C-alpha atoms as a PDB file:
ATOM      1  CA  MET A   1      90.788 -42.566  53.331  1.00  0.00           C
ATOM      2  CA  ARG A   2      92.128 -39.320  53.534  1.00  0.00           C
ATOM      3  CA  GLN A   3      95.898 -40.260  52.991  1.00  0.00           C
ATOM      4  CA  ALA A   4      95.105 -42.167  49.693  1.00  0.00           C
ATOM      5  CA  TYR A   5      93.057 -38.942  48.897  1.00  0.00           C
ATOM      6  CA  TRP A   6      96.421 -36.908  49.140  1.00  0.00           C
ATOM      7  CA  LYS A   7      98.657 -39.356  47.225  1.00  0.00           C
ATOM      8  CA  GLY A   8      96.642 -39.995  44.053  1.00  0.00           C
ATOM      9  CA  LEU A   9      96.138 -36.166  44.393  1.00  0.00           C
ATOM     10  CA  LEU A  10      99.776 -35.697  43.953  1.00  0.00           C
ATOM     11  CA  PHE A  11     100.324 -38.749  41.599  1.00  0.00           C
ATOM     12  CA  ILE A  12      97.749 -36.724  39.214  1.00  0.00           C
ATOM     13  CA  VAL A  13     100.036 -33.301  39.924  1.00  0.00           C
ATOM     14  CA  LEU A  14     103.453 -35.141  39.327  1.00  0.00           C
ATOM     15  CA  VAL A  15     101.718 -36.753  36.086  1.00  0.00           C
ATOM     16  CA  SER A  16     100.557 -33.558  34.734  1.00  0.00           C
ATOM     17  CA  ILE A  17     103.518 -31.594  35.639  1.00  0.00           C
ATOM     18  CA  GLY A  18     105.693 -34.746  34.108  1.00  0.00           C
ATOM     19  CA  VAL A  19     103.779 -34.832  30.972  1.00  0.00           C
ATOM     20  CA  SER A  20     103.794 -30.952  30.505  1.00  0.00           C
ATOM     21  CA  SER A  21     107.042 -30.751  30.917  1.00  0.00           C
ATOM     22  CA  CYS A  22     107.976 -33.502  28.485  1.00  0.00           C
ATOM     23  CA  LYS A  23     106.932 -31.872  25.223  1.00  0.00           C
ATOM     24  CA  THR A  24     108.359 -29.354  23.409  1.00  0.00           C
ATOM     25  CA  LYS A  25     107.511 -25.789  23.484  1.00  0.00           C
ATOM     26  CA  ALA A  26     106.882 -24.509  20.146  1.00  0.00           C
ATOM     27  CA  PRO A  27     108.530 -20.604  19.580  1.00  0.00           C
ATOM     28  CA  VAL A  28     104.862 -18.501  19.228  1.00  0.00           C
ATOM     29  CA  VAL A  29     105.358 -16.866  15.654  1.00  0.00           C
ATOM     30  CA  GLU A  30     102.815 -14.524  14.237  1.00  0.00           C
ATOM     31  CA  GLU A  31     101.373 -15.323  11.068  1.00  0.00           C
ATOM     32  CA  SER A  32     101.616 -12.003   9.030  1.00  0.00           C
ATOM     33  CA  ALA A  33      99.427 -11.193   5.917  1.00  0.00           C
ATOM     34  CA  PRO A  34     100.388 -11.869   2.865  1.00  0.00           C
ATOM     35  CA  ASP A  35     101.398  -8.414   1.533  1.00  0.00           C
ATOM     36  CA  THR A  36     100.994  -9.481  -2.164  1.00  0.00           C
ATOM     37  CA  TYR A  37      99.112 -11.942  -4.190  1.00  0.00           C
ATOM     38  CA  MET A  38      99.146 -13.885  -8.059  1.00  0.00           C
ATOM     39  CA  ASP A  39      97.310 -13.175 -10.541  1.00  0.00           C
ATOM     40  CA  GLY A  40      98.512 -15.232 -13.153  1.00  0.00           C
ATOM     41  CA  LYS A  41     102.556 -14.515 -13.234  1.00  0.00           C
ATOM     42  CA  MET A  42     101.807 -11.442 -12.315  1.00  0.00           C
ATOM     43  CA  VAL A  43     102.411 -10.129  -8.459  1.00  0.00           C
ATOM     44  CA  PHE A  44      99.894  -7.890  -7.449  1.00  0.00           C
ATOM     45  CA  GLN A  45     100.174  -5.587  -3.959  1.00  0.00           C
ATOM     46  CA  ILE A  46      97.811  -5.917  -1.277  1.00  0.00           C
ATOM     47  CA  ALA A  47      97.402  -1.956   0.122  1.00  0.00           C
ATOM     48  CA  ASP A  48      94.507  -0.349   2.106  1.00  0.00           C
ATOM     49  CA  ASP A  49      93.748   2.228  -0.355  1.00  0.00           C
ATOM     50  CA  LEU A  50      96.080   4.146  -3.336  1.00  0.00           C
ATOM     51  CA  ILE A  51      98.409   6.384  -0.635  1.00  0.00           C
ATOM     52  CA  SER A  52      99.213   2.750   0.667  1.00  0.00           C
ATOM     53  CA  ALA A  53     100.320   0.937  -2.663  1.00  0.00           C
ATOM     54  CA  LEU A  54     101.934   4.792  -3.792  1.00  0.00           C
ATOM     55  CA  GLU A  55     104.366   4.368  -0.421  1.00  0.00           C
ATOM     56  CA  ILE A  56     104.812   1.019  -0.972  1.00  0.00           C
ATOM     57  CA  ALA A  57     106.008   2.007  -5.026  1.00  0.00           C
ATOM     58  CA  GLU A  58     107.894   5.199  -3.783  1.00  0.00           C
ATOM     59  CA  GLU A  59     109.988   2.685  -1.129  1.00  0.00           C
ATOM     60  CA  LYS A  60     110.608   0.043  -3.512  1.00  0.00           C
ATOM     61  CA  ASN A  61     111.754   3.249  -6.357  1.00  0.00           C
ATOM     62  CA  LYS A  62     109.008   1.850  -8.807  1.00  0.00           C
ATOM     63  CA  PRO A  63     105.637   3.104 -10.797  1.00  0.00           C
ATOM     64  CA  LEU A  64     102.506   1.850 -10.229  1.00  0.00           C
ATOM     65  CA  PHE A  65     100.508  -0.150 -12.024  1.00  0.00           C
ATOM     66  CA  VAL A  66      96.773  -0.409 -10.728  1.00  0.00           C
ATOM     67  CA  GLU A  67      94.245  -2.095 -12.779  1.00  0.00           C
ATOM     68  CA  PHE A  68      90.615  -0.606 -12.740  1.00  0.00           C
ATOM     69  CA  GLU A  69      88.458  -3.826 -12.243  1.00  0.00           C
ATOM     70  CA  ALA A  70      85.275  -5.823 -10.938  1.00  0.00           C
ATOM     71  CA  ASP A  71      83.978  -9.156 -10.256  1.00  0.00           C
ATOM     72  CA  TRP A  72      81.578  -8.905 -12.802  1.00  0.00           C
ATOM     73  CA  CYS A  73      84.411  -7.458 -15.569  1.00  0.00           C
ATOM     74  CA  LEU A  74      84.679  -9.982 -18.134  1.00  0.00           C
ATOM     75  CA  PRO A  75      87.432  -8.126 -20.022  1.00  0.00           C
ATOM     76  CA  CYS A  76      88.962  -8.252 -16.537  1.00  0.00           C
ATOM     77  CA  LYS A  77      88.748 -11.943 -16.539  1.00  0.00           C
ATOM     78  CA  ILE A  78      90.183 -12.741 -19.895  1.00  0.00           C
ATOM     79  CA  MET A  79      92.718  -9.924 -19.118  1.00  0.00           C
ATOM     80  CA  SER A  80      93.649 -12.200 -15.703  1.00  0.00           C
ATOM     81  CA  GLU A  81      93.646 -15.493 -17.718  1.00  0.00           C
ATOM     82  CA  GLU A  82      95.062 -14.364 -20.952  1.00  0.00           C
ATOM     83  CA  VAL A  83      98.084 -11.376 -20.127  1.00  0.00           C
ATOM     84  CA  PHE A  84      98.938 -11.997 -16.505  1.00  0.00           C
ATOM     85  CA  THR A  85      99.562 -15.461 -17.798  1.00  0.00           C
ATOM     86  CA  HIS A  86     101.858 -14.586 -20.412  1.00  0.00           C
ATOM     87  CA  GLN A  87     105.458 -14.609 -18.719  1.00  0.00           C
ATOM     88  CA  GLU A  88     107.315 -11.762 -20.713  1.00  0.00           C
ATOM     89  CA  THR A  89     104.483  -9.491 -19.731  1.00  0.00           C
ATOM     90  CA  ALA A  90     104.326 -10.682 -16.119  1.00  0.00           C
ATOM     91  CA  ASP A  91     108.337 -10.242 -15.795  1.00  0.00           C
ATOM     92  CA  ILE A  92     108.406  -6.567 -16.994  1.00  0.00           C
ATOM     93  CA  PHE A  93     105.830  -5.477 -14.860  1.00  0.00           C
ATOM     94  CA  ASN A  94     107.217  -7.561 -11.993  1.00  0.00           C
ATOM     95  CA  ASP A  95     110.732  -6.281 -12.268  1.00  0.00           C
ATOM     96  CA  ASN A  96     109.833  -2.312 -13.098  1.00  0.00           C
ATOM     97  CA  PHE A  97     106.302  -1.771 -11.724  1.00  0.00           C
ATOM     98  CA  ILE A  98     104.358  -1.885  -8.219  1.00  0.00           C
ATOM     99  CA  ASN A  99     101.178  -3.364  -9.566  1.00  0.00           C
ATOM    100  CA  TYR A 100      97.906  -2.923  -7.838  1.00  0.00           C
ATOM    101  CA  LYS A 101      94.734  -3.537  -8.556  1.00  0.00           C
ATOM    102  CA  VAL A 102      91.084  -1.413  -7.390  1.00  0.00           C
ATOM    103  CA  ASP A 103      88.156  -2.835  -7.310  1.00  0.00           C
ATOM    104  CA  VAL A 104      85.385  -0.599  -8.696  1.00  0.00           C
ATOM    105  CA  GLU A 105      82.775  -2.020  -6.469  1.00  0.00           C
ATOM    106  CA  THR A 106      84.913  -1.019  -2.882  1.00  0.00           C
ATOM    107  CA  GLN A 107      83.857   2.622  -1.269  1.00  0.00           C
ATOM    108  CA  SER A 108      87.738   3.581  -2.146  1.00  0.00           C
ATOM    109  CA  GLY A 109      87.246   2.131  -5.510  1.00  0.00           C
ATOM    110  CA  ALA A 110      84.920   4.416  -6.015  1.00  0.00           C
ATOM    111  CA  ASN A 111      86.159   7.552  -4.883  1.00  0.00           C
ATOM    112  CA  MET A 112      89.386   6.450  -6.837  1.00  0.00           C
ATOM    113  CA  LYS A 113      87.491   5.218 -10.406  1.00  0.00           C
ATOM    114  CA  MET A 114      86.072   9.151  -9.640  1.00  0.00           C
ATOM    115  CA  LEU A 115      89.340  10.710  -9.152  1.00  0.00           C
ATOM    116  CA  TYR A 116      90.683   9.388 -12.366  1.00  0.00           C
ATOM    117  CA  GLY A 117      87.841   9.940 -14.264  1.00  0.00           C
ATOM    118  CA  VAL A 118      86.990   5.509 -14.841  1.00  0.00           C
ATOM    119  CA  ASN A 119      84.682   5.195 -17.474  1.00  0.00           C
ATOM    120  CA  ILE A 120      85.540   2.002 -18.800  1.00  0.00           C
ATOM    121  CA  ILE A 121      86.567  -0.868 -16.493  1.00  0.00           C
ATOM    122  CA  PRO A 122      88.822  -2.179 -16.930  1.00  0.00           C
ATOM    123  CA  THR A 123      91.447   1.108 -16.928  1.00  0.00           C
ATOM    124  CA  LEU A 124      94.215   0.946 -16.146  1.00  0.00           C
ATOM    125  CA  LEU A 125      96.754   3.411 -15.473  1.00  0.00           C
ATOM    126  CA  ILE A 126     100.531   3.740 -14.923  1.00  0.00           C
ATOM    127  CA  LEU A 127     101.511   6.797 -11.903  1.00  0.00           C
ATOM    128  CA  ASP A 128     104.485   7.962 -10.109  1.00  0.00           C
ATOM    129  CA  HIS A 129     104.827   8.427  -6.894  1.00  0.00           C
ATOM    130  CA  LYS A 130     102.372  11.227  -6.696  1.00  0.00           C
ATOM    131  CA  GLY A 131      99.683   9.928  -8.337  1.00  0.00           C
ATOM    132  CA  LYS A 132     100.163  11.631 -11.876  1.00  0.00           C
ATOM    133  CA  THR A 133      99.766   9.117 -14.751  1.00  0.00           C
ATOM    134  CA  LEU A 134     102.622   8.274 -16.964  1.00  0.00           C
ATOM    135  CA  SER A 135     100.179   5.959 -18.918  1.00  0.00           C
ATOM    136  CA  ARG A 136      96.855   5.170 -19.360  1.00  0.00           C
ATOM    137  CA  ASN A 137      94.802   2.584 -21.577  1.00  0.00           C
ATOM    138  CA  ASP A 138      90.668   2.550 -21.285  1.00  0.00           C
ATOM    139  CA  GLY A 139      89.781  -1.274 -21.739  1.00  0.00           C
ATOM    140  CA  SER A 140      91.309  -4.075 -21.904  1.00  0.00           C
ATOM    141  CA  LEU A 141      94.747  -4.749 -23.888  1.00  0.00           C
ATOM    142  CA  MET A 142      96.075  -8.277 -24.898  1.00  0.00           C
ATOM    143  CA  HIS A 143     100.185  -9.278 -24.163  1.00  0.00           C
ATOM    144  CA  LYS A 144     101.797  -6.653 -26.860  1.00  0.00           C
ATOM    145  CA  SER A 145      99.693  -3.770 -25.963  1.00  0.00           C
ATOM    146  CA  LEU A 146      99.886  -3.892 -22.631  1.00  0.00           C
ATOM    147  CA  VAL A 147     104.224  -4.483 -22.920  1.00  0.00           C
ATOM    148  CA  ASN A 148     103.843  -1.400 -25.120  1.00  0.00           C
ATOM    149  CA  LEU A 149     102.114   0.851 -22.094  1.00  0.00           C
ATOM    150  CA  ALA A 150     104.808  -0.467 -20.066  1.00  0.00           C
ATOM    151  CA  ASN A 151     107.551   0.426 -21.900  1.00  0.00           C
ATOM    152  CA  GLU A 152     105.815   3.941 -22.588  1.00  0.00           C
ATOM    153  CA  ALA A 153     105.487   4.016 -18.773  1.00  0.00           C
ATOM    154  CA  ILE A 154     109.321   3.209 -18.091  1.00  0.00           C
ATOM    155  CA  SER A 155     110.555   5.898 -20.824  1.00  0.00           C
ATOM    156  CA  GLU A 156     108.316   8.428 -18.852  1.00  0.00           C
ATOM    157  CA  TRP A 157     109.353   7.135 -16.045  1.00  0.00           C
ATOM    158  CA  GLU A 158     112.942   7.218 -16.081  1.00  0.00           C
ATOM    159  CA  VAL A 159     112.610  11.484 -18.129  1.00  0.00           C
ATOM    160  CA  ARG A 160     110.702  12.006 -14.723  1.00  0.00           C
ATOM    161  CA  VAL A 161     113.196  10.461 -12.453  1.00  0.00           C
ATOM    162  CA  ALA A 162     116.506  11.892 -14.162  1.00  0.00           C
ATOM    163  CA  GLN A 163     114.927  15.773 -13.421  1.00  0.00           C
END
């Protein structure tokens, strides 16, 4: 009886080793969290706060486009659905800016709202790497007006970079 027990145990161990050694082992790959997301056709940066977003903009040598928004903001939703989906707008902003959204309902968003004197949602800012305003609009904009705001900021950016 004892011999049958050991043979059975040996059989189970050998089968376990054989089965586990036949499986190919996939390399362990840590999936990193995405650092951007799409709103319409525009790519928006994910960052913990304004300083982090400004550092990313500086690293990529682009100004920072900031939209102050909130979940309840109807004009913000209209911009997402009608403006950020426009290909020309998306091309200009994706090529020339790091795009970043600030939820004014969060603690850091409330602090940024106070820092920049935001009283209307959405407020659109384009900032240099030091956080200084290149262009600003209080309220939503449609495609052509947003493109004009971008072009104004690009011109101001080029002047500041040349100095």
